[in-house]
Amino acid sequence: MPSRPALPRLDLDLLRTFAAVADAGGISRAAERLRLAQPTVSLQLRRLEDGLGHRLLARTPRSLRLTAEGEDLLSYARRILALADEAVARLSPDALRGVVRLGTPEDFATANLAGVLARFAASHPAIALEVTTDLTLNLLDRFGRGEFDLVLVKREPQGPGGGVRVWREPLVWAARDPTPFEGGATLPLVVSPHPCVYRKRAMAALDAAGRPWRVAYTSTSLAGAQAAVRAGLGVTVLPRGMVPPGLATLDASHGAPALPDTEVALLRAAVVSPPARRLGDHIVQALERAA
């Protein structure tokens, strides 16, 4: 039988560069993250494209997007790189080991953190993660008592200092139906216990609009708040990406007052172990790419 032609080989370094460009949305930002010169990144991309015989990126002076072949390859590249990193981490004699204690708000962990932590765990199998979800006030209190190595907290947007901002959250009103702001009746609110950034946002926005309100339901959990809103007990404030199916997202067209953004910041203990330092860096980098 005639021998089959040899398939092109995939170079892990080229795949890593390609994935970095896709994540960063451009060659210049990817070069900064990879600590490479832009011409080097461009050359590696051309080598990968030439080896596979396909264009992977469609470039214009102002934009860069994946081709259909690029989208297909990116899915494989992520899995290949994750497996390669996992193998190296597992077999490395000086692999990081230990326990990292992370505190995070429940809704942020549910919507934004699971994949980030899963990728870290796969790459660092000798590091055990202890993740606790709670209200920001409780997280800060326990962080001050030394119960966490790292903590993610919701806060008012602010400049440098007091941790590293890792996420910006556009907030919206959510309700069972789109009509609660019609008329001038007292608006029932579903909120978390005081103090809570979302609670503060809701009350301040309604006060500024001259709209009367009352706290109709208080819940310490995201699931409890969503259930109360589904039952028609009141309206609530949620990050835009956290409004579940079945609830209406309300804005100015529904008579709802505007809500300023809030943010999530990462705080690190004064003294952290190498595994905790590695996880903190991973969270910052991963969420920066996702933002």
C-alpha atoms as a PDB file:
ATOM      1  CA  MET A   1       0.000   0.000   0.000  1.00  0.00           C
ATOM      2  CA  PRO A   2       1.222   3.510  -0.735  1.00  0.00           C
ATOM      3  CA  SER A   3       2.222   5.360   2.410  1.00  0.00           C
ATOM      4  CA  ARG A   4       0.050   8.227   3.544  1.00  0.00           C
ATOM      5  CA  PRO A   5       1.615  11.680   3.365  1.00  0.00           C
ATOM      6  CA  ALA A   6       2.928  12.868   6.712  1.00  0.00           C
ATOM      7  CA  LEU A   7       0.662  15.281   8.537  1.00  0.00           C
ATOM      8  CA  PRO A   8       2.097  18.623   9.623  1.00  0.00           C
ATOM      9  CA  ARG A   9       3.299  18.706  13.217  1.00  0.00           C
ATOM     10  CA  LEU A  10       1.922  21.177  15.735  1.00  0.00           C
ATOM     11  CA  ASP A  11       4.514  23.208  17.599  1.00  0.00           C
ATOM     12  CA  LEU A  12       3.336  23.994  21.159  1.00  0.00           C
ATOM     13  CA  ASP A  13       5.085  27.373  21.156  1.00  0.00           C
ATOM     14  CA  LEU A  14       3.298  28.369  17.958  1.00  0.00           C
ATOM     15  CA  LEU A  15      -0.024  27.156  19.342  1.00  0.00           C
ATOM     16  CA  ARG A  16       0.535  29.143  22.539  1.00  0.00           C
ATOM     17  CA  THR A  17       1.243  32.291  20.546  1.00  0.00           C
ATOM     18  CA  PHE A  18      -1.863  31.740  18.405  1.00  0.00           C
ATOM     19  CA  ALA A  19      -4.065  31.270  21.489  1.00  0.00           C
ATOM     20  CA  ALA A  20      -2.577  34.378  23.111  1.00  0.00           C
ATOM     21  CA  VAL A  21      -3.367  36.483  20.034  1.00  0.00           C
ATOM     22  CA  ALA A  22      -6.926  35.140  19.954  1.00  0.00           C
ATOM     23  CA  ASP A  23      -7.408  35.880  23.666  1.00  0.00           C
ATOM     24  CA  ALA A  24      -5.859  39.354  23.484  1.00  0.00           C
ATOM     25  CA  GLY A  25      -7.699  40.335  20.317  1.00  0.00           C
ATOM     26  CA  GLY A  26      -4.556  41.626  18.665  1.00  0.00           C
ATOM     27  CA  ILE A  27      -0.865  41.023  18.046  1.00  0.00           C
ATOM     28  CA  SER A  28       0.483  43.969  20.037  1.00  0.00           C
ATOM     29  CA  ARG A  29      -1.347  43.048  23.263  1.00  0.00           C
ATOM     30  CA  ALA A  30      -0.416  39.389  22.834  1.00  0.00           C
ATOM     31  CA  ALA A  31       3.224  40.359  22.370  1.00  0.00           C
ATOM     32  CA  GLU A  32       3.151  42.287  25.661  1.00  0.00           C
ATOM     33  CA  ARG A  33       1.681  39.316  27.526  1.00  0.00           C
ATOM     34  CA  LEU A  34       4.114  36.856  25.947  1.00  0.00           C
ATOM     35  CA  ARG A  35       7.033  39.274  26.438  1.00  0.00           C
ATOM     36  CA  LEU A  36       7.930  38.948  22.765  1.00  0.00           C
ATOM     37  CA  ALA A  37       8.521  41.499  20.033  1.00  0.00           C
ATOM     38  CA  GLN A  38       5.577  42.068  17.686  1.00  0.00           C
ATOM     39  CA  PRO A  39       7.549  40.891  14.613  1.00  0.00           C
ATOM     40  CA  THR A  40       8.330  37.639  16.451  1.00  0.00           C
ATOM     41  CA  VAL A  41       4.654  37.038  17.154  1.00  0.00           C
ATOM     42  CA  SER A  42       3.732  37.791  13.528  1.00  0.00           C
ATOM     43  CA  LEU A  43       6.459  35.414  12.310  1.00  0.00           C
ATOM     44  CA  GLN A  44       5.233  32.613  14.563  1.00  0.00           C
ATOM     45  CA  LEU A  45       1.685  33.060  13.303  1.00  0.00           C
ATOM     46  CA  ARG A  46       2.872  32.872   9.692  1.00  0.00           C
ATOM     47  CA  ARG A  47       4.860  29.719  10.452  1.00  0.00           C
ATOM     48  CA  LEU A  48       1.762  28.107  11.964  1.00  0.00           C
ATOM     49  CA  GLU A  49      -0.416  29.119   9.007  1.00  0.00           C
ATOM     50  CA  ASP A  50       2.181  27.937   6.474  1.00  0.00           C
ATOM     51  CA  GLY A  51       2.576  24.606   8.253  1.00  0.00           C
ATOM     52  CA  LEU A  52      -1.174  23.956   8.317  1.00  0.00           C
ATOM     53  CA  GLY A  53      -1.859  25.402   4.894  1.00  0.00           C
ATOM     54  CA  HIS A  54      -4.676  27.650   6.130  1.00  0.00           C
ATOM     55  CA  ARG A  55      -5.136  31.262   7.056  1.00  0.00           C
ATOM     56  CA  LEU A  56      -6.080  31.374  10.706  1.00  0.00           C
ATOM     57  CA  LEU A  57      -6.512  35.124  11.162  1.00  0.00           C
ATOM     58  CA  ALA A  58      -8.112  37.740   8.952  1.00  0.00           C
ATOM     59  CA  ARG A  59      -6.241  41.004   9.475  1.00  0.00           C
ATOM     60  CA  THR A  60      -7.207  44.562   8.583  1.00  0.00           C
ATOM     61  CA  PRO A  61      -5.490  47.800   9.675  1.00  0.00           C
ATOM     62  CA  ARG A  62      -8.036  48.184  12.473  1.00  0.00           C
ATOM     63  CA  SER A  63      -9.123  44.696  13.425  1.00  0.00           C
ATOM     64  CA  LEU A  64      -8.197  41.051  13.667  1.00  0.00           C
ATOM     65  CA  ARG A  65     -10.611  38.125  13.656  1.00  0.00           C
ATOM     66  CA  LEU A  66     -10.415  34.365  13.473  1.00  0.00           C
ATOM     67  CA  THR A  67     -11.202  32.634  10.201  1.00  0.00           C
ATOM     68  CA  ALA A  68     -13.385  29.526  10.251  1.00  0.00           C
ATOM     69  CA  GLU A  69     -10.207  27.404  10.306  1.00  0.00           C
ATOM     70  CA  GLY A  70      -8.821  29.584  13.090  1.00  0.00           C
ATOM     71  CA  GLU A  71     -11.918  29.027  15.221  1.00  0.00           C
ATOM     72  CA  ASP A  72     -11.606  25.280  14.721  1.00  0.00           C
ATOM     73  CA  LEU A  73      -7.925  25.289  15.638  1.00  0.00           C
ATOM     74  CA  LEU A  74      -8.440  27.484  18.712  1.00  0.00           C
ATOM     75  CA  SER A  75     -10.718  24.879  20.270  1.00  0.00           C
ATOM     76  CA  TYR A  76      -8.061  22.180  19.769  1.00  0.00           C
ATOM     77  CA  ALA A  77      -5.247  24.522  20.840  1.00  0.00           C
ATOM     78  CA  ARG A  78      -6.847  25.244  24.203  1.00  0.00           C
ATOM     79  CA  ARG A  79      -7.259  21.546  24.950  1.00  0.00           C
ATOM     80  CA  ILE A  80      -3.754  20.638  23.753  1.00  0.00           C
ATOM     81  CA  LEU A  81      -2.108  23.408  25.775  1.00  0.00           C
ATOM     82  CA  ALA A  82      -4.136  22.607  28.887  1.00  0.00           C
ATOM     83  CA  LEU A  83      -3.113  18.946  28.698  1.00  0.00           C
ATOM     84  CA  ALA A  84       0.519  19.859  28.092  1.00  0.00           C
ATOM     85  CA  ASP A  85       0.555  22.227  31.068  1.00  0.00           C
ATOM     86  CA  GLU A  86      -1.153  19.634  33.249  1.00  0.00           C
ATOM     87  CA  ALA A  87       1.408  16.968  32.305  1.00  0.00           C
ATOM     88  CA  VAL A  88       4.355  19.270  33.015  1.00  0.00           C
ATOM     89  CA  ALA A  89       2.868  20.399  36.330  1.00  0.00           C
ATOM     90  CA  ARG A  90       2.192  16.825  37.450  1.00  0.00           C
ATOM     91  CA  LEU A  91       5.639  15.512  36.529  1.00  0.00           C
ATOM     92  CA  SER A  92       7.701  18.517  37.579  1.00  0.00           C
ATOM     93  CA  PRO A  93       9.794  17.717  40.690  1.00  0.00           C
ATOM     94  CA  ASP A  94       9.383  21.264  41.970  1.00  0.00           C
ATOM     95  CA  ALA A  95       5.670  21.587  41.256  1.00  0.00           C
ATOM     96  CA  LEU A  96       3.864  23.995  43.563  1.00  0.00           C
ATOM     97  CA  ARG A  97       2.055  22.253  46.410  1.00  0.00           C
ATOM     98  CA  GLY A  98      -0.172  23.374  49.230  1.00  0.00           C
ATOM     99  CA  VAL A  99      -3.588  24.803  50.045  1.00  0.00           C
ATOM    100  CA  VAL A 100      -4.954  28.173  48.925  1.00  0.00           C
ATOM    101  CA  ARG A 101      -7.940  29.698  50.734  1.00  0.00           C
ATOM    102  CA  LEU A 102     -10.047  31.903  48.451  1.00  0.00           C
ATOM    103  CA  GLY A 103     -13.142  33.886  49.397  1.00  0.00           C
ATOM    104  CA  THR A 104     -15.530  35.178  46.733  1.00  0.00           C
ATOM    105  CA  PRO A 105     -19.091  36.521  46.372  1.00  0.00           C
ATOM    106  CA  GLU A 106     -21.504  33.763  45.411  1.00  0.00           C
ATOM    107  CA  ASP A 107     -22.848  35.336  42.232  1.00  0.00           C
ATOM    108  CA  PHE A 108     -19.379  36.154  40.892  1.00  0.00           C
ATOM    109  CA  ALA A 109     -18.169  32.629  41.592  1.00  0.00           C
ATOM    110  CA  THR A 110     -21.195  31.167  39.817  1.00  0.00           C
ATOM    111  CA  ALA A 111     -20.976  33.290  36.690  1.00  0.00           C
ATOM    112  CA  ASN A 112     -17.320  34.151  36.190  1.00  0.00           C
ATOM    113  CA  LEU A 113     -14.948  32.084  38.305  1.00  0.00           C
ATOM    114  CA  ALA A 114     -15.678  28.391  37.776  1.00  0.00           C
ATOM    115  CA  GLY A 115     -13.810  28.068  34.481  1.00  0.00           C
ATOM    116  CA  VAL A 116     -10.899  30.166  35.740  1.00  0.00           C
ATOM    117  CA  LEU A 117     -10.420  27.927  38.772  1.00  0.00           C
ATOM    118  CA  ALA A 118     -10.884  24.737  36.733  1.00  0.00           C
ATOM    119  CA  ARG A 119      -8.046  25.732  34.389  1.00  0.00           C
ATOM    120  CA  PHE A 120      -5.810  26.561  37.347  1.00  0.00           C
ATOM    121  CA  ALA A 121      -6.568  23.245  39.053  1.00  0.00           C
ATOM    122  CA  ALA A 122      -5.767  21.327  35.874  1.00  0.00           C
ATOM    123  CA  SER A 123      -2.425  23.110  35.516  1.00  0.00           C
ATOM    124  CA  HIS A 124      -1.548  22.814  39.222  1.00  0.00           C
ATOM    125  CA  PRO A 125      -2.890  19.451  40.418  1.00  0.00           C
ATOM    126  CA  ALA A 126      -0.791  19.533  43.612  1.00  0.00           C
ATOM    127  CA  ILE A 127      -2.490  22.730  44.834  1.00  0.00           C
ATOM    128  CA  ALA A 128      -5.735  22.256  46.775  1.00  0.00           C
ATOM    129  CA  LEU A 129      -8.279  25.072  46.540  1.00  0.00           C
ATOM    130  CA  GLU A 130     -10.579  25.905  49.456  1.00  0.00           C
ATOM    131  CA  VAL A 131     -13.204  28.259  48.013  1.00  0.00           C
ATOM    132  CA  THR A 132     -15.741  29.969  50.285  1.00  0.00           C
ATOM    133  CA  THR A 133     -18.666  32.049  49.026  1.00  0.00           C
ATOM    134  CA  ASP A 134     -20.225  34.746  51.193  1.00  0.00           C
ATOM    135  CA  LEU A 135     -21.363  38.362  51.260  1.00  0.00           C
ATOM    136  CA  THR A 136     -18.619  40.917  50.697  1.00  0.00           C
ATOM    137  CA  LEU A 137     -18.935  42.302  54.236  1.00  0.00           C
ATOM    138  CA  ASN A 138     -18.418  38.862  55.743  1.00  0.00           C
ATOM    139  CA  LEU A 139     -15.559  38.101  53.370  1.00  0.00           C
ATOM    140  CA  LEU A 140     -13.765  41.294  54.363  1.00  0.00           C
ATOM    141  CA  ASP A 141     -14.297  40.568  58.045  1.00  0.00           C
ATOM    142  CA  ARG A 142     -12.908  37.040  57.748  1.00  0.00           C
ATOM    143  CA  PHE A 143     -10.066  38.242  55.520  1.00  0.00           C
ATOM    144  CA  GLY A 144      -9.101  40.704  58.250  1.00  0.00           C
ATOM    145  CA  ARG A 145      -8.971  37.798  60.723  1.00  0.00           C
ATOM    146  CA  GLY A 146      -6.559  35.911  58.475  1.00  0.00           C
ATOM    147  CA  GLU A 147      -8.992  33.247  57.255  1.00  0.00           C
ATOM    148  CA  PHE A 148      -8.236  33.775  53.546  1.00  0.00           C
ATOM    149  CA  ASP A 149      -5.102  34.035  51.433  1.00  0.00           C
ATOM    150  CA  LEU A 150      -7.026  35.766  48.641  1.00  0.00           C
ATOM    151  CA  VAL A 151     -10.443  37.365  48.531  1.00  0.00           C
ATOM    152  CA  LEU A 152     -12.584  38.812  45.747  1.00  0.00           C
ATOM    153  CA  VAL A 153     -14.863  41.630  46.889  1.00  0.00           C
ATOM    154  CA  LYS A 154     -17.435  43.914  45.325  1.00  0.00           C
ATOM    155  CA  ARG A 155     -16.754  47.602  45.810  1.00  0.00           C
ATOM    156  CA  GLU A 156     -17.279  51.087  44.464  1.00  0.00           C
ATOM    157  CA  PRO A 157     -15.107  51.861  41.408  1.00  0.00           C
ATOM    158  CA  GLN A 158     -11.885  53.433  42.570  1.00  0.00           C
ATOM    159  CA  GLY A 159      -8.336  54.093  41.483  1.00  0.00           C
ATOM    160  CA  PRO A 160      -5.140  52.238  42.410  1.00  0.00           C
ATOM    161  CA  GLY A 161      -4.703  50.930  45.920  1.00  0.00           C
ATOM    162  CA  GLY A 162      -6.698  48.539  48.048  1.00  0.00           C
ATOM    163  CA  GLY A 163      -6.292  45.530  45.809  1.00  0.00           C
ATOM    164  CA  VAL A 164      -6.410  44.963  42.054  1.00  0.00           C
ATOM    165  CA  ARG A 165      -9.581  45.523  40.056  1.00  0.00           C
ATOM    166  CA  VAL A 166     -10.279  42.375  38.041  1.00  0.00           C
ATOM    167  CA  TRP A 167     -13.836  42.922  36.801  1.00  0.00           C
ATOM    168  CA  ARG A 168     -16.207  45.768  35.983  1.00  0.00           C
ATOM    169  CA  GLU A 169     -19.905  44.988  36.433  1.00  0.00           C
ATOM    170  CA  PRO A 170     -22.676  46.849  34.572  1.00  0.00           C
ATOM    171  CA  LEU A 171     -25.763  46.627  36.799  1.00  0.00           C
ATOM    172  CA  VAL A 172     -29.404  46.347  35.699  1.00  0.00           C
ATOM    173  CA  TRP A 173     -32.832  46.025  37.277  1.00  0.00           C
ATOM    174  CA  ALA A 174     -34.484  42.598  37.096  1.00  0.00           C
ATOM    175  CA  ALA A 175     -38.136  41.700  37.689  1.00  0.00           C
ATOM    176  CA  ARG A 176     -40.712  39.025  36.912  1.00  0.00           C
ATOM    177  CA  ASP A 177     -42.450  41.301  34.405  1.00  0.00           C
ATOM    178  CA  PRO A 178     -41.499  44.559  32.635  1.00  0.00           C
ATOM    179  CA  THR A 179     -44.086  46.787  34.338  1.00  0.00           C
ATOM    180  CA  PRO A 180     -43.045  47.431  37.985  1.00  0.00           C
ATOM    181  CA  PHE A 181     -41.835  50.978  37.290  1.00  0.00           C
ATOM    182  CA  GLU A 182     -45.116  52.015  35.698  1.00  0.00           C
ATOM    183  CA  GLY A 183     -47.121  54.379  37.878  1.00  0.00           C
ATOM    184  CA  GLY A 184     -45.852  55.811  41.134  1.00  0.00           C
ATOM    185  CA  ALA A 185     -46.591  53.089  43.662  1.00  0.00           C
ATOM    186  CA  THR A 186     -44.012  52.207  46.294  1.00  0.00           C
ATOM    187  CA  LEU A 187     -41.538  49.827  44.676  1.00  0.00           C
ATOM    188  CA  PRO A 188     -40.874  46.536  46.540  1.00  0.00           C
ATOM    189  CA  LEU A 189     -37.180  45.597  46.588  1.00  0.00           C
ATOM    190  CA  VAL A 190     -35.465  42.232  46.883  1.00  0.00           C
ATOM    191  CA  VAL A 191     -32.008  42.874  48.336  1.00  0.00           C
ATOM    192  CA  SER A 192     -29.079  41.410  50.248  1.00  0.00           C
ATOM    193  CA  PRO A 193     -28.506  42.405  53.873  1.00  0.00           C
ATOM    194  CA  HIS A 194     -26.826  45.734  54.595  1.00  0.00           C
ATOM    195  CA  PRO A 195     -24.174  46.676  53.591  1.00  0.00           C
ATOM    196  CA  CYS A 196     -24.278  45.533  49.968  1.00  0.00           C
ATOM    197  CA  VAL A 197     -23.152  47.459  46.884  1.00  0.00           C
ATOM    198  CA  TYR A 198     -26.201  46.358  44.862  1.00  0.00           C
ATOM    199  CA  ARG A 199     -28.562  47.305  47.685  1.00  0.00           C
ATOM    200  CA  LYS A 200     -26.894  50.702  47.986  1.00  0.00           C
ATOM    201  CA  ARG A 201     -27.105  51.229  44.221  1.00  0.00           C
ATOM    202  CA  ALA A 202     -30.825  50.405  44.125  1.00  0.00           C
ATOM    203  CA  MET A 203     -31.798  52.679  46.998  1.00  0.00           C
ATOM    204  CA  ALA A 204     -29.631  55.595  45.855  1.00  0.00           C
ATOM    205  CA  ALA A 205     -30.984  55.417  42.285  1.00  0.00           C
ATOM    206  CA  LEU A 206     -34.603  55.342  43.476  1.00  0.00           C
ATOM    207  CA  ASP A 207     -34.034  58.195  45.944  1.00  0.00           C
ATOM    208  CA  ALA A 208     -32.431  60.301  43.207  1.00  0.00           C
ATOM    209  CA  ALA A 209     -35.420  59.612  40.949  1.00  0.00           C
ATOM    210  CA  GLY A 210     -37.881  60.485  43.721  1.00  0.00           C
ATOM    211  CA  ARG A 211     -39.426  57.033  43.629  1.00  0.00           C
ATOM    212  CA  PRO A 212     -40.708  55.590  46.941  1.00  0.00           C
ATOM    213  CA  TRP A 213     -39.469  52.097  47.810  1.00  0.00           C
ATOM    214  CA  ARG A 214     -39.588  49.490  50.552  1.00  0.00           C
ATOM    215  CA  VAL A 215     -37.535  46.408  51.319  1.00  0.00           C
ATOM    216  CA  ALA A 216     -39.908  43.534  50.620  1.00  0.00           C
ATOM    217  CA  TYR A 217     -37.493  40.604  50.855  1.00  0.00           C
ATOM    218  CA  THR A 218     -33.942  40.166  52.127  1.00  0.00           C
ATOM    219  CA  SER A 219     -31.828  37.162  51.122  1.00  0.00           C
ATOM    220  CA  THR A 220     -28.234  36.202  51.821  1.00  0.00           C
ATOM    221  CA  SER A 221     -28.028  34.003  48.707  1.00  0.00           C
ATOM    222  CA  LEU A 222     -28.266  34.648  44.984  1.00  0.00           C
ATOM    223  CA  ALA A 223     -30.612  31.694  44.487  1.00  0.00           C
ATOM    224  CA  GLY A 224     -32.924  32.979  47.215  1.00  0.00           C
ATOM    225  CA  ALA A 225     -33.058  36.463  45.708  1.00  0.00           C
ATOM    226  CA  GLN A 226     -33.764  35.121  42.228  1.00  0.00           C
ATOM    227  CA  ALA A 227     -36.524  32.877  43.574  1.00  0.00           C
ATOM    228  CA  ALA A 228     -38.135  35.823  45.350  1.00  0.00           C
ATOM    229  CA  VAL A 229     -38.094  37.898  42.168  1.00  0.00           C
ATOM    230  CA  ARG A 230     -39.537  35.005  40.150  1.00  0.00           C
ATOM    231  CA  ALA A 231     -42.343  34.775  42.701  1.00  0.00           C
ATOM    232  CA  GLY A 232     -43.173  38.437  42.124  1.00  0.00           C
ATOM    233  CA  LEU A 233     -42.095  39.673  45.561  1.00  0.00           C
ATOM    234  CA  GLY A 234     -40.193  42.604  44.122  1.00  0.00           C
ATOM    235  CA  VAL A 235     -37.467  43.896  41.824  1.00  0.00           C
ATOM    236  CA  THR A 236     -33.730  43.512  42.359  1.00  0.00           C
ATOM    237  CA  VAL A 237     -30.394  44.710  41.016  1.00  0.00           C
ATOM    238  CA  LEU A 238     -28.073  42.204  39.313  1.00  0.00           C
ATOM    239  CA  PRO A 239     -25.030  42.265  37.049  1.00  0.00           C
ATOM    240  CA  ARG A 240     -26.269  42.258  33.456  1.00  0.00           C
ATOM    241  CA  GLY A 241     -24.833  38.808  32.812  1.00  0.00           C
ATOM    242  CA  MET A 242     -26.500  37.331  35.895  1.00  0.00           C
ATOM    243  CA  VAL A 243     -30.140  37.957  34.959  1.00  0.00           C
ATOM    244  CA  PRO A 244     -31.515  34.412  34.554  1.00  0.00           C
ATOM    245  CA  PRO A 245     -33.953  33.295  31.855  1.00  0.00           C
ATOM    246  CA  GLY A 246     -37.520  34.104  32.802  1.00  0.00           C
ATOM    247  CA  LEU A 247     -36.754  37.485  34.384  1.00  0.00           C
ATOM    248  CA  ALA A 248     -37.095  40.791  32.575  1.00  0.00           C
ATOM    249  CA  THR A 249     -34.132  43.173  32.306  1.00  0.00           C
ATOM    250  CA  LEU A 250     -35.366  46.717  32.847  1.00  0.00           C
ATOM    251  CA  ASP A 251     -33.810  49.998  31.697  1.00  0.00           C
ATOM    252  CA  ALA A 252     -34.822  53.599  30.974  1.00  0.00           C
ATOM    253  CA  SER A 253     -37.357  52.454  28.378  1.00  0.00           C
ATOM    254  CA  HIS A 254     -39.262  50.769  31.240  1.00  0.00           C
ATOM    255  CA  GLY A 255     -39.016  53.825  33.485  1.00  0.00           C
ATOM    256  CA  ALA A 256     -36.149  52.376  35.553  1.00  0.00           C
ATOM    257  CA  PRO A 257     -33.479  54.791  36.809  1.00  0.00           C
ATOM    258  CA  ALA A 258     -29.885  54.304  35.628  1.00  0.00           C
ATOM    259  CA  LEU A 259     -27.479  52.307  37.795  1.00  0.00           C
ATOM    260  CA  PRO A 260     -23.731  53.086  37.950  1.00  0.00           C
ATOM    261  CA  ASP A 261     -21.296  50.221  37.424  1.00  0.00           C
ATOM    262  CA  THR A 262     -19.582  48.502  40.304  1.00  0.00           C
ATOM    263  CA  GLU A 263     -16.387  46.440  40.314  1.00  0.00           C
ATOM    264  CA  VAL A 264     -14.779  43.322  41.754  1.00  0.00           C
ATOM    265  CA  ALA A 265     -11.288  43.565  43.242  1.00  0.00           C
ATOM    266  CA  LEU A 266      -8.765  40.947  44.339  1.00  0.00           C
ATOM    267  CA  LEU A 267      -7.160  41.417  47.759  1.00  0.00           C
ATOM    268  CA  ARG A 268      -4.116  39.437  48.880  1.00  0.00           C
ATOM    269  CA  ALA A 269      -2.985  38.757  52.440  1.00  0.00           C
ATOM    270  CA  ALA A 270       0.108  40.623  53.608  1.00  0.00           C
ATOM    271  CA  VAL A 271       2.085  37.372  53.420  1.00  0.00           C
ATOM    272  CA  VAL A 272       1.047  34.773  50.844  1.00  0.00           C
ATOM    273  CA  SER A 273       2.511  31.411  49.911  1.00  0.00           C
ATOM    274  CA  PRO A 274       3.889  30.751  46.393  1.00  0.00           C
ATOM    275  CA  PRO A 275       0.740  28.737  45.488  1.00  0.00           C
ATOM    276  CA  ALA A 276      -1.506  31.623  46.596  1.00  0.00           C
ATOM    277  CA  ARG A 277       0.633  34.089  44.669  1.00  0.00           C
ATOM    278  CA  ARG A 278       0.348  31.912  41.566  1.00  0.00           C
ATOM    279  CA  LEU A 279      -3.441  31.662  41.891  1.00  0.00           C
ATOM    280  CA  GLY A 280      -3.768  35.420  42.380  1.00  0.00           C
ATOM    281  CA  ASP A 281      -1.745  36.106  39.231  1.00  0.00           C
ATOM    282  CA  HIS A 282      -3.803  33.527  37.324  1.00  0.00           C
ATOM    283  CA  ILE A 283      -7.107  35.127  38.368  1.00  0.00           C
ATOM    284  CA  VAL A 284      -5.953  38.603  37.377  1.00  0.00           C
ATOM    285  CA  GLN A 285      -4.684  37.478  33.981  1.00  0.00           C
ATOM    286  CA  ALA A 286      -7.661  35.251  33.198  1.00  0.00           C
ATOM    287  CA  LEU A 287     -10.287  37.837  34.115  1.00  0.00           C
ATOM    288  CA  GLU A 288      -8.385  40.566  32.278  1.00  0.00           C
ATOM    289  CA  ARG A 289      -8.668  38.471  29.096  1.00  0.00           C
ATOM    290  CA  ALA A 290     -12.372  37.844  29.705  1.00  0.00           C
ATOM    291  CA  ALA A 291     -13.302  41.455  30.507  1.00  0.00           C
END
